Amino acid sequence: MMRRNPTEAEYVLWKYIRNNQLGYRFRRQQILDDYIVDFVCLEKKLIIEVDGKYHSDGEQREFDAMRQNKLQSEGYRMIRFTNEEVTTNIEQTVECIKKYLI
């Protein structure tokens, strides 16, 4: 289900990647295949996921791995960050994303 209200971490990251700030257009809460991804740059086929604590649950980890494999088989690359990584070190997060955009 698409979330109308982003998490704090998603909101923080969106402020840094929206409006072509990194030289590429990102979309948020984008449907790809049967999944909704947090952020995607379609031009670079780059997906950014910001994961909360529930992603460490065994069942959720399995689903995430299956989803990532499916999207990678369609040519997408995926970067995952935890909520804490984004909220406590946004500069490093953005630098990491920039490396994937080169």
PDB file of N, CA and C in Angstrom:
ATOM      1  N   MET A   1       0.838  -1.187   0.000  1.00  0.00           N
ATOM      2  CA  MET A   1       0.000   0.000   0.000  1.00  0.00           C
ATOM      3  C   MET A   1       0.883   1.252   0.000  1.00  0.00           C
ATOM      4  N   MET A   2       0.531   2.213  -0.791  1.00  0.00           N
ATOM      5  CA  MET A   2       1.316   3.443  -0.880  1.00  0.00           C
ATOM      6  C   MET A   2       1.088   4.287   0.373  1.00  0.00           C
ATOM      7  N   ARG A   3       2.169   4.751   0.938  1.00  0.00           N
ATOM      8  CA  ARG A   3       2.064   5.586   2.125  1.00  0.00           C
ATOM      9  C   ARG A   3       1.881   7.031   1.718  1.00  0.00           C
ATOM     10  N   ARG A   4       0.912   7.670   2.335  1.00  0.00           N
ATOM     11  CA  ARG A   4       0.696   9.092   2.062  1.00  0.00           C
ATOM     12  C   ARG A   4       1.679   9.944   2.859  1.00  0.00           C
ATOM     13  N   ASN A   5       2.063   9.452   4.025  1.00  0.00           N
ATOM     14  CA  ASN A   5       2.958  10.206   4.887  1.00  0.00           C
ATOM     15  C   ASN A   5       4.319   9.527   4.930  1.00  0.00           C
ATOM     16  N   PRO A   6       5.347  10.184   4.433  1.00  0.00           N
ATOM     17  CA  PRO A   6       6.686   9.573   4.464  1.00  0.00           C
ATOM     18  C   PRO A   6       7.201   9.479   5.891  1.00  0.00           C
ATOM     19  N   THR A   7       8.117   8.541   6.100  1.00  0.00           N
ATOM     20  CA  THR A   7       8.798   8.493   7.396  1.00  0.00           C
ATOM     21  C   THR A   7       9.697   9.720   7.501  1.00  0.00           C
ATOM     22  N   GLU A   8      10.190   9.975   8.695  1.00  0.00           N
ATOM     23  CA  GLU A   8      11.095  11.118   8.881  1.00  0.00           C
ATOM     24  C   GLU A   8      12.314  10.975   7.967  1.00  0.00           C
ATOM     25  N   ALA A   9      12.878   9.769   7.913  1.00  0.00           N
ATOM     26  CA  ALA A   9      14.068   9.544   7.092  1.00  0.00           C
ATOM     27  C   ALA A   9      13.765   9.773   5.610  1.00  0.00           C
ATOM     28  N   GLU A  10      12.621   9.297   5.133  1.00  0.00           N
ATOM     29  CA  GLU A  10      12.259   9.511   3.725  1.00  0.00           C
ATOM     30  C   GLU A  10      12.085  10.997   3.441  1.00  0.00           C
ATOM     31  N   TYR A  11      11.470  11.712   4.366  1.00  0.00           N
ATOM     32  CA  TYR A  11      11.282  13.149   4.202  1.00  0.00           C
ATOM     33  C   TYR A  11      12.631  13.867   4.128  1.00  0.00           C
ATOM     34  N   VAL A  12      13.547  13.499   5.028  1.00  0.00           N
ATOM     35  CA  VAL A  12      14.878  14.116   5.043  1.00  0.00           C
ATOM     36  C   VAL A  12      15.587  13.861   3.713  1.00  0.00           C
ATOM     37  N   LEU A  13      15.593  12.610   3.254  1.00  0.00           N
ATOM     38  CA  LEU A  13      16.278  12.285   2.008  1.00  0.00           C
ATOM     39  C   LEU A  13      15.635  12.990   0.821  1.00  0.00           C
ATOM     40  N   TRP A  14      14.317  13.030   0.774  1.00  0.00           N
ATOM     41  CA  TRP A  14      13.609  13.660  -0.339  1.00  0.00           C
ATOM     42  C   TRP A  14      14.013  15.118  -0.491  1.00  0.00           C
ATOM     43  N   LYS A  15      14.251  15.810   0.629  1.00  0.00           N
ATOM     44  CA  LYS A  15      14.681  17.217   0.555  1.00  0.00           C
ATOM     45  C   LYS A  15      15.992  17.367  -0.206  1.00  0.00           C
ATOM     46  N   TYR A  16      16.825  16.332  -0.217  1.00  0.00           N
ATOM     47  CA  TYR A  16      18.144  16.394  -0.859  1.00  0.00           C
ATOM     48  C   TYR A  16      18.152  15.879  -2.296  1.00  0.00           C
ATOM     49  N   ILE A  17      17.151  15.091  -2.673  1.00  0.00           N
ATOM     50  CA  ILE A  17      17.204  14.497  -4.017  1.00  0.00           C
ATOM     51  C   ILE A  17      16.102  14.988  -4.951  1.00  0.00           C
ATOM     52  N   ARG A  18      15.130  15.706  -4.438  1.00  0.00           N
ATOM     53  CA  ARG A  18      14.041  16.171  -5.301  1.00  0.00           C
ATOM     54  C   ARG A  18      14.504  17.332  -6.180  1.00  0.00           C
ATOM     55  N   ASN A  19      13.715  17.662  -7.176  1.00  0.00           N
ATOM     56  CA  ASN A  19      13.960  18.809  -8.058  1.00  0.00           C
ATOM     57  C   ASN A  19      15.329  18.767  -8.739  1.00  0.00           C
ATOM     58  N   ASN A  20      15.752  17.579  -9.146  1.00  0.00           N
ATOM     59  CA  ASN A  20      17.012  17.422  -9.889  1.00  0.00           C
ATOM     60  C   ASN A  20      18.237  17.957  -9.159  1.00  0.00           C
ATOM     61  N   GLN A  21      18.210  17.986  -7.850  1.00  0.00           N
ATOM     62  CA  GLN A  21      19.339  18.532  -7.088  1.00  0.00           C
ATOM     63  C   GLN A  21      20.632  17.760  -7.322  1.00  0.00           C
ATOM     64  N   LEU A  22      20.534  16.473  -7.679  1.00  0.00           N
ATOM     65  CA  LEU A  22      21.730  15.673  -7.950  1.00  0.00           C
ATOM     66  C   LEU A  22      21.985  15.527  -9.447  1.00  0.00           C
ATOM     67  N   GLY A  23      21.246  16.304 -10.240  1.00  0.00           N
ATOM     68  CA  GLY A  23      21.415  16.253 -11.688  1.00  0.00           C
ATOM     69  C   GLY A  23      20.503  15.254 -12.379  1.00  0.00           C
ATOM     70  N   TYR A  24      19.689  14.549 -11.613  1.00  0.00           N
ATOM     71  CA  TYR A  24      18.762  13.558 -12.168  1.00  0.00           C
ATOM     72  C   TYR A  24      17.436  13.662 -11.438  1.00  0.00           C
ATOM     73  N   ARG A  25      16.382  13.287 -12.138  1.00  0.00           N
ATOM     74  CA  ARG A  25      15.052  13.336 -11.542  1.00  0.00           C
ATOM     75  C   ARG A  25      14.768  12.054 -10.776  1.00  0.00           C
ATOM     76  N   PHE A  26      14.355  12.214  -9.540  1.00  0.00           N
ATOM     77  CA  PHE A  26      13.906  11.091  -8.719  1.00  0.00           C
ATOM     78  C   PHE A  26      12.412  11.184  -8.520  1.00  0.00           C
ATOM     79  N   ARG A  27      11.778  10.034  -8.451  1.00  0.00           N
ATOM     80  CA  ARG A  27      10.361   9.941  -8.110  1.00  0.00           C
ATOM     81  C   ARG A  27      10.265   9.218  -6.785  1.00  0.00           C
ATOM     82  N   ARG A  28       9.252   9.562  -6.007  1.00  0.00           N
ATOM     83  CA  ARG A  28       9.056   8.869  -4.727  1.00  0.00           C
ATOM     84  C   ARG A  28       7.793   8.029  -4.798  1.00  0.00           C
ATOM     85  N   GLN A  29       7.803   6.933  -4.027  1.00  0.00           N
ATOM     86  CA  GLN A  29       6.676   6.015  -3.966  1.00  0.00           C
ATOM     87  C   GLN A  29       6.225   5.610  -5.370  1.00  0.00           C
ATOM     88  N   GLN A  30       7.171   5.135  -6.151  1.00  0.00           N
ATOM     89  CA  GLN A  30       6.939   4.780  -7.553  1.00  0.00           C
ATOM     90  C   GLN A  30       6.624   3.285  -7.672  1.00  0.00           C
ATOM     91  N   ILE A  31       5.626   2.956  -8.479  1.00  0.00           N
ATOM     92  CA  ILE A  31       5.304   1.564  -8.747  1.00  0.00           C
ATOM     93  C   ILE A  31       6.232   1.050  -9.845  1.00  0.00           C
ATOM     94  N   LEU A  32       6.926  -0.048  -9.543  1.00  0.00           N
ATOM     95  CA  LEU A  32       7.768  -0.750 -10.510  1.00  0.00           C
ATOM     96  C   LEU A  32       7.383  -2.216 -10.436  1.00  0.00           C
ATOM     97  N   ASP A  33       6.961  -2.764 -11.561  1.00  0.00           N
ATOM     98  CA  ASP A  33       6.506  -4.148 -11.574  1.00  0.00           C
ATOM     99  C   ASP A  33       5.345  -4.269 -10.592  1.00  0.00           C
ATOM    100  N   ASP A  34       5.432  -5.153  -9.627  1.00  0.00           N
ATOM    101  CA  ASP A  34       4.361  -5.312  -8.633  1.00  0.00           C
ATOM    102  C   ASP A  34       4.703  -4.649  -7.307  1.00  0.00           C
ATOM    103  N   TYR A  35       5.692  -3.784  -7.299  1.00  0.00           N
ATOM    104  CA  TYR A  35       6.209  -3.243  -6.050  1.00  0.00           C
ATOM    105  C   TYR A  35       6.176  -1.719  -6.049  1.00  0.00           C
ATOM    106  N   ILE A  36       6.158  -1.158  -4.856  1.00  0.00           N
ATOM    107  CA  ILE A  36       6.294   0.286  -4.690  1.00  0.00           C
ATOM    108  C   ILE A  36       7.652   0.522  -4.051  1.00  0.00           C
ATOM    109  N   VAL A  37       8.493   1.291  -4.741  1.00  0.00           N
ATOM    110  CA  VAL A  37       9.814   1.594  -4.203  1.00  0.00           C
ATOM    111  C   VAL A  37       9.786   2.982  -3.579  1.00  0.00           C
ATOM    112  N   ASP A  38      10.671   3.202  -2.616  1.00  0.00           N
ATOM    113  CA  ASP A  38      10.703   4.500  -1.933  1.00  0.00           C
ATOM    114  C   ASP A  38      11.060   5.623  -2.898  1.00  0.00           C
ATOM    115  N   PHE A  39      12.189   5.457  -3.618  1.00  0.00           N
ATOM    116  CA  PHE A  39      12.646   6.460  -4.573  1.00  0.00           C
ATOM    117  C   PHE A  39      13.252   5.750  -5.770  1.00  0.00           C
ATOM    118  N   VAL A  40      13.107   6.348  -6.950  1.00  0.00           N
ATOM    119  CA  VAL A  40      13.745   5.780  -8.138  1.00  0.00           C
ATOM    120  C   VAL A  40      14.138   6.901  -9.092  1.00  0.00           C
ATOM    121  N   CYS A  41      15.305   6.723  -9.697  1.00  0.00           N
ATOM    122  CA  CYS A  41      15.733   7.545 -10.819  1.00  0.00           C
ATOM    123  C   CYS A  41      15.583   6.642 -12.037  1.00  0.00           C
ATOM    124  N   LEU A  42      14.565   6.879 -12.833  1.00  0.00           N
ATOM    125  CA  LEU A  42      14.293   6.008 -13.975  1.00  0.00           C
ATOM    126  C   LEU A  42      15.398   6.089 -15.019  1.00  0.00           C
ATOM    127  N   GLU A  43      15.956   7.278 -15.220  1.00  0.00           N
ATOM    128  CA  GLU A  43      17.015   7.463 -16.214  1.00  0.00           C
ATOM    129  C   GLU A  43      18.224   6.586 -15.911  1.00  0.00           C
ATOM    130  N   LYS A  44      18.592   6.476 -14.635  1.00  0.00           N
ATOM    131  CA  LYS A  44      19.753   5.685 -14.224  1.00  0.00           C
ATOM    132  C   LYS A  44      19.351   4.289 -13.721  1.00  0.00           C
ATOM    133  N   LYS A  45      18.040   4.019 -13.689  1.00  0.00           N
ATOM    134  CA  LYS A  45      17.524   2.739 -13.177  1.00  0.00           C
ATOM    135  C   LYS A  45      18.082   2.452 -11.783  1.00  0.00           C
ATOM    136  N   LEU A  46      18.039   3.487 -10.947  1.00  0.00           N
ATOM    137  CA  LEU A  46      18.559   3.397  -9.584  1.00  0.00           C
ATOM    138  C   LEU A  46      17.417   3.538  -8.586  1.00  0.00           C
ATOM    139  N   ILE A  47      17.289   2.550  -7.733  1.00  0.00           N
ATOM    140  CA  ILE A  47      16.272   2.540  -6.684  1.00  0.00           C
ATOM    141  C   ILE A  47      16.957   2.826  -5.354  1.00  0.00           C
ATOM    142  N   ILE A  48      16.334   3.670  -4.549  1.00  0.00           N
ATOM    143  CA  ILE A  48      16.820   3.931  -3.197  1.00  0.00           C
ATOM    144  C   ILE A  48      15.726   3.499  -2.233  1.00  0.00           C
ATOM    145  N   GLU A  49      16.088   2.623  -1.310  1.00  0.00           N
ATOM    146  CA  GLU A  49      15.166   2.173  -0.273  1.00  0.00           C
ATOM    147  C   GLU A  49      15.666   2.661   1.075  1.00  0.00           C
ATOM    148  N   VAL A  50      14.756   3.165   1.885  1.00  0.00           N
ATOM    149  CA  VAL A  50      15.072   3.601   3.244  1.00  0.00           C
ATOM    150  C   VAL A  50      14.299   2.668   4.172  1.00  0.00           C
ATOM    151  N   ASP A  51      15.048   1.854   4.910  1.00  0.00           N
ATOM    152  CA  ASP A  51      14.457   0.769   5.682  1.00  0.00           C
ATOM    153  C   ASP A  51      14.347   1.076   7.165  1.00  0.00           C
ATOM    154  N   GLY A  52      13.170   0.818   7.696  1.00  0.00           N
ATOM    155  CA  GLY A  52      12.947   0.890   9.134  1.00  0.00           C
ATOM    156  C   GLY A  52      13.346  -0.417   9.792  1.00  0.00           C
ATOM    157  N   LYS A  53      13.142  -0.490  11.091  1.00  0.00           N
ATOM    158  CA  LYS A  53      13.567  -1.660  11.862  1.00  0.00           C
ATOM    159  C   LYS A  53      12.874  -2.940  11.415  1.00  0.00           C
ATOM    160  N   TYR A  54      11.642  -2.859  10.934  1.00  0.00           N
ATOM    161  CA  TYR A  54      10.922  -4.084  10.567  1.00  0.00           C
ATOM    162  C   TYR A  54      11.582  -4.820   9.401  1.00  0.00           C
ATOM    163  N   HIS A  55      12.470  -4.170   8.680  1.00  0.00           N
ATOM    164  CA  HIS A  55      13.168  -4.839   7.576  1.00  0.00           C
ATOM    165  C   HIS A  55      14.190  -5.861   8.082  1.00  0.00           C
ATOM    166  N   SER A  56      14.502  -5.843   9.367  1.00  0.00           N
ATOM    167  CA  SER A  56      15.433  -6.833   9.916  1.00  0.00           C
ATOM    168  C   SER A  56      14.711  -8.108  10.321  1.00  0.00           C
ATOM    169  N   ASP A  57      13.384  -8.104  10.289  1.00  0.00           N
ATOM    170  CA  ASP A  57      12.590  -9.302  10.564  1.00  0.00           C
ATOM    171  C   ASP A  57      12.859 -10.346   9.483  1.00  0.00           C
ATOM    172  N   GLY A  58      12.968 -11.606   9.866  1.00  0.00           N
ATOM    173  CA  GLY A  58      13.303 -12.678   8.935  1.00  0.00           C
ATOM    174  C   GLY A  58      12.400 -12.759   7.724  1.00  0.00           C
ATOM    175  N   GLU A  59      11.098 -12.703   7.935  1.00  0.00           N
ATOM    176  CA  GLU A  59      10.144 -12.793   6.829  1.00  0.00           C
ATOM    177  C   GLU A  59      10.262 -11.580   5.911  1.00  0.00           C
ATOM    178  N   GLN A  60      10.405 -10.412   6.500  1.00  0.00           N
ATOM    179  CA  GLN A  60      10.540  -9.191   5.699  1.00  0.00           C
ATOM    180  C   GLN A  60      11.845  -9.203   4.911  1.00  0.00           C
ATOM    181  N   ARG A  61      12.914  -9.713   5.528  1.00  0.00           N
ATOM    182  CA  ARG A  61      14.195  -9.816   4.822  1.00  0.00           C
ATOM    183  C   ARG A  61      14.070 -10.702   3.590  1.00  0.00           C
ATOM    184  N   GLU A  62      13.359 -11.809   3.732  1.00  0.00           N
ATOM    185  CA  GLU A  62      13.153 -12.711   2.589  1.00  0.00           C
ATOM    186  C   GLU A  62      12.382 -12.006   1.478  1.00  0.00           C
ATOM    187  N   PHE A  63      11.317 -11.298   1.852  1.00  0.00           N
ATOM    188  CA  PHE A  63      10.522 -10.569   0.863  1.00  0.00           C
ATOM    189  C   PHE A  63      11.376  -9.506   0.180  1.00  0.00           C
ATOM    190  N   ASP A  64      12.153  -8.751   0.971  1.00  0.00           N
ATOM    191  CA  ASP A  64      13.013  -7.705   0.412  1.00  0.00           C
ATOM    192  C   ASP A  64      14.021  -8.288  -0.576  1.00  0.00           C
ATOM    193  N   ALA A  65      14.607  -9.438  -0.225  1.00  0.00           N
ATOM    194  CA  ALA A  65      15.601 -10.073  -1.106  1.00  0.00           C
ATOM    195  C   ALA A  65      14.946 -10.525  -2.413  1.00  0.00           C
ATOM    196  N   MET A  66      13.755 -11.119  -2.322  1.00  0.00           N
ATOM    197  CA  MET A  66      13.035 -11.562  -3.516  1.00  0.00           C
ATOM    198  C   MET A  66      12.697 -10.356  -4.411  1.00  0.00           C
ATOM    199  N   ARG A  67      12.208  -9.313  -3.791  1.00  0.00           N
ATOM    200  CA  ARG A  67      11.838  -8.087  -4.503  1.00  0.00           C
ATOM    201  C   ARG A  67      13.069  -7.476  -5.178  1.00  0.00           C
ATOM    202  N   GLN A  68      14.184  -7.403  -4.443  1.00  0.00           N
ATOM    203  CA  GLN A  68      15.404  -6.829  -4.997  1.00  0.00           C
ATOM    204  C   GLN A  68      15.896  -7.667  -6.174  1.00  0.00           C
ATOM    205  N   ASN A  69      15.896  -8.988  -6.048  1.00  0.00           N
ATOM    206  CA  ASN A  69      16.330  -9.855  -7.149  1.00  0.00           C
ATOM    207  C   ASN A  69      15.467  -9.649  -8.384  1.00  0.00           C
ATOM    208  N   LYS A  70      14.155  -9.532  -8.194  1.00  0.00           N
ATOM    209  CA  LYS A  70      13.237  -9.333  -9.318  1.00  0.00           C
ATOM    210  C   LYS A  70      13.531  -8.005 -10.022  1.00  0.00           C
ATOM    211  N   LEU A  71      13.681  -6.945  -9.261  1.00  0.00           N
ATOM    212  CA  LEU A  71      13.930  -5.629  -9.855  1.00  0.00           C
ATOM    213  C   LEU A  71      15.316  -5.563 -10.494  1.00  0.00           C
ATOM    214  N   GLN A  72      16.297  -6.222  -9.892  1.00  0.00           N
ATOM    215  CA  GLN A  72      17.629  -6.259 -10.492  1.00  0.00           C
ATOM    216  C   GLN A  72      17.606  -7.051 -11.800  1.00  0.00           C
ATOM    217  N   SER A  73      16.774  -8.070 -11.874  1.00  0.00           N
ATOM    218  CA  SER A  73      16.673  -8.835 -13.124  1.00  0.00           C
ATOM    219  C   SER A  73      16.091  -7.984 -14.248  1.00  0.00           C
ATOM    220  N   GLU A  74      15.436  -6.893 -13.895  1.00  0.00           N
ATOM    221  CA  GLU A  74      14.881  -5.960 -14.876  1.00  0.00           C
ATOM    222  C   GLU A  74      15.835  -4.796 -15.142  1.00  0.00           C
ATOM    223  N   GLY A  75      17.055  -4.898 -14.607  1.00  0.00           N
ATOM    224  CA  GLY A  75      18.079  -3.898 -14.902  1.00  0.00           C
ATOM    225  C   GLY A  75      18.236  -2.793 -13.880  1.00  0.00           C
ATOM    226  N   TYR A  76      17.490  -2.847 -12.793  1.00  0.00           N
ATOM    227  CA  TYR A  76      17.603  -1.815 -11.756  1.00  0.00           C
ATOM    228  C   TYR A  76      18.729  -2.143 -10.794  1.00  0.00           C
ATOM    229  N   ARG A  77      19.370  -1.089 -10.281  1.00  0.00           N
ATOM    230  CA  ARG A  77      20.310  -1.215  -9.173  1.00  0.00           C
ATOM    231  C   ARG A  77      19.605  -0.671  -7.952  1.00  0.00           C
ATOM    232  N   MET A  78      19.915  -1.217  -6.784  1.00  0.00           N
ATOM    233  CA  MET A  78      19.236  -0.794  -5.569  1.00  0.00           C
ATOM    234  C   MET A  78      20.248  -0.479  -4.481  1.00  0.00           C
ATOM    235  N   ILE A  79      20.033   0.658  -3.820  1.00  0.00           N
ATOM    236  CA  ILE A  79      20.816   1.030  -2.645  1.00  0.00           C
ATOM    237  C   ILE A  79      19.844   1.025  -1.469  1.00  0.00           C
ATOM    238  N   ARG A  80      20.285   0.467  -0.366  1.00  0.00           N
ATOM    239  CA  ARG A  80      19.467   0.448   0.845  1.00  0.00           C
ATOM    240  C   ARG A  80      20.182   1.232   1.940  1.00  0.00           C
ATOM    241  N   PHE A  81      19.419   2.064   2.621  1.00  0.00           N
ATOM    242  CA  PHE A  81      19.904   2.783   3.793  1.00  0.00           C
ATOM    243  C   PHE A  81      18.929   2.523   4.931  1.00  0.00           C
ATOM    244  N   THR A  82      19.438   2.532   6.151  1.00  0.00           N
ATOM    245  CA  THR A  82      18.534   2.460   7.295  1.00  0.00           C
ATOM    246  C   THR A  82      18.021   3.865   7.595  1.00  0.00           C
ATOM    247  N   ASN A  83      16.916   3.930   8.312  1.00  0.00           N
ATOM    248  CA  ASN A  83      16.402   5.230   8.743  1.00  0.00           C
ATOM    249  C   ASN A  83      17.487   5.997   9.494  1.00  0.00           C
ATOM    250  N   GLU A  84      18.222   5.292  10.353  1.00  0.00           N
ATOM    251  CA  GLU A  84      19.247   5.936  11.168  1.00  0.00           C
ATOM    252  C   GLU A  84      20.376   6.503  10.309  1.00  0.00           C
ATOM    253  N   GLU A  85      20.790   5.765   9.276  1.00  0.00           N
ATOM    254  CA  GLU A  85      21.849   6.271   8.394  1.00  0.00           C
ATOM    255  C   GLU A  85      21.431   7.596   7.762  1.00  0.00           C
ATOM    256  N   VAL A  86      20.195   7.659   7.320  1.00  0.00           N
ATOM    257  CA  VAL A  86      19.702   8.869   6.649  1.00  0.00           C
ATOM    258  C   VAL A  86      19.576  10.029   7.630  1.00  0.00           C
ATOM    259  N   THR A  87      18.967   9.770   8.771  1.00  0.00           N
ATOM    260  CA  THR A  87      18.694  10.887   9.685  1.00  0.00           C
ATOM    261  C   THR A  87      19.926  11.360  10.439  1.00  0.00           C
ATOM    262  N   THR A  88      20.907  10.470  10.659  1.00  0.00           N
ATOM    263  CA  THR A  88      22.074  10.894  11.436  1.00  0.00           C
ATOM    264  C   THR A  88      23.252  11.319  10.565  1.00  0.00           C
ATOM    265  N   ASN A  89      23.243  10.915   9.276  1.00  0.00           N
ATOM    266  CA  ASN A  89      24.372  11.271   8.419  1.00  0.00           C
ATOM    267  C   ASN A  89      23.907  11.452   6.977  1.00  0.00           C
ATOM    268  N   ILE A  90      23.063  12.451   6.760  1.00  0.00           N
ATOM    269  CA  ILE A  90      22.494  12.677   5.429  1.00  0.00           C
ATOM    270  C   ILE A  90      23.576  13.016   4.409  1.00  0.00           C
ATOM    271  N   GLU A  91      24.631  13.706   4.816  1.00  0.00           N
ATOM    272  CA  GLU A  91      25.683  14.078   3.863  1.00  0.00           C
ATOM    273  C   GLU A  91      26.353  12.829   3.284  1.00  0.00           C
ATOM    274  N   GLN A  92      26.670  11.870   4.136  1.00  0.00           N
ATOM    275  CA  GLN A  92      27.294  10.631   3.669  1.00  0.00           C
ATOM    276  C   GLN A  92      26.325   9.834   2.792  1.00  0.00           C
ATOM    277  N   THR A  93      25.065   9.835   3.155  1.00  0.00           N
ATOM    278  CA  THR A  93      24.040   9.155   2.364  1.00  0.00           C
ATOM    279  C   THR A  93      23.984   9.743   0.960  1.00  0.00           C
ATOM    280  N   VAL A  94      23.944  11.056   0.862  1.00  0.00           N
ATOM    281  CA  VAL A  94      23.869  11.729  -0.434  1.00  0.00           C
ATOM    282  C   VAL A  94      25.136  11.478  -1.239  1.00  0.00           C
ATOM    283  N   GLU A  95      26.298  11.495  -0.599  1.00  0.00           N
ATOM    284  CA  GLU A  95      27.552  11.202  -1.303  1.00  0.00           C
ATOM    285  C   GLU A  95      27.538   9.793  -1.885  1.00  0.00           C
ATOM    286  N   CYS A  96      27.019   8.847  -1.137  1.00  0.00           N
ATOM    287  CA  CYS A  96      26.916   7.471  -1.617  1.00  0.00           C
ATOM    288  C   CYS A  96      26.007   7.412  -2.847  1.00  0.00           C
ATOM    289  N   ILE A  97      24.879   8.099  -2.803  1.00  0.00           N
ATOM    290  CA  ILE A  97      23.949   8.114  -3.943  1.00  0.00           C
ATOM    291  C   ILE A  97      24.636   8.721  -5.173  1.00  0.00           C
ATOM    292  N   LYS A  98      25.382   9.797  -4.962  1.00  0.00           N
ATOM    293  CA  LYS A  98      26.084  10.451  -6.078  1.00  0.00           C
ATOM    294  C   LYS A  98      27.009   9.477  -6.791  1.00  0.00           C
ATOM    295  N   LYS A  99      27.683   8.608  -6.044  1.00  0.00           N
ATOM    296  CA  LYS A  99      28.592   7.632  -6.644  1.00  0.00           C
ATOM    297  C   LYS A  99      27.853   6.668  -7.571  1.00  0.00           C
ATOM    298  N   TYR A 100      26.628   6.336  -7.231  1.00  0.00           N
ATOM    299  CA  TYR A 100      25.835   5.446  -8.069  1.00  0.00           C
ATOM    300  C   TYR A 100      25.319   6.145  -9.318  1.00  0.00           C
ATOM    301  N   LEU A 101      25.289   7.459  -9.294  1.00  0.00           N
ATOM    302  CA  LEU A 101      24.771   8.221 -10.448  1.00  0.00           C
ATOM    303  C   LEU A 101      25.831   8.505 -11.494  1.00  0.00           C
ATOM    304  N   ILE A 102      27.083   8.261 -11.196  1.00  0.00           N
ATOM    305  CA  ILE A 102      28.179   8.549 -12.141  1.00  0.00           C
ATOM    306  C   ILE A 102      28.113   7.594 -13.313  1.00  0.00           C
TER     307      ILE A 102
END
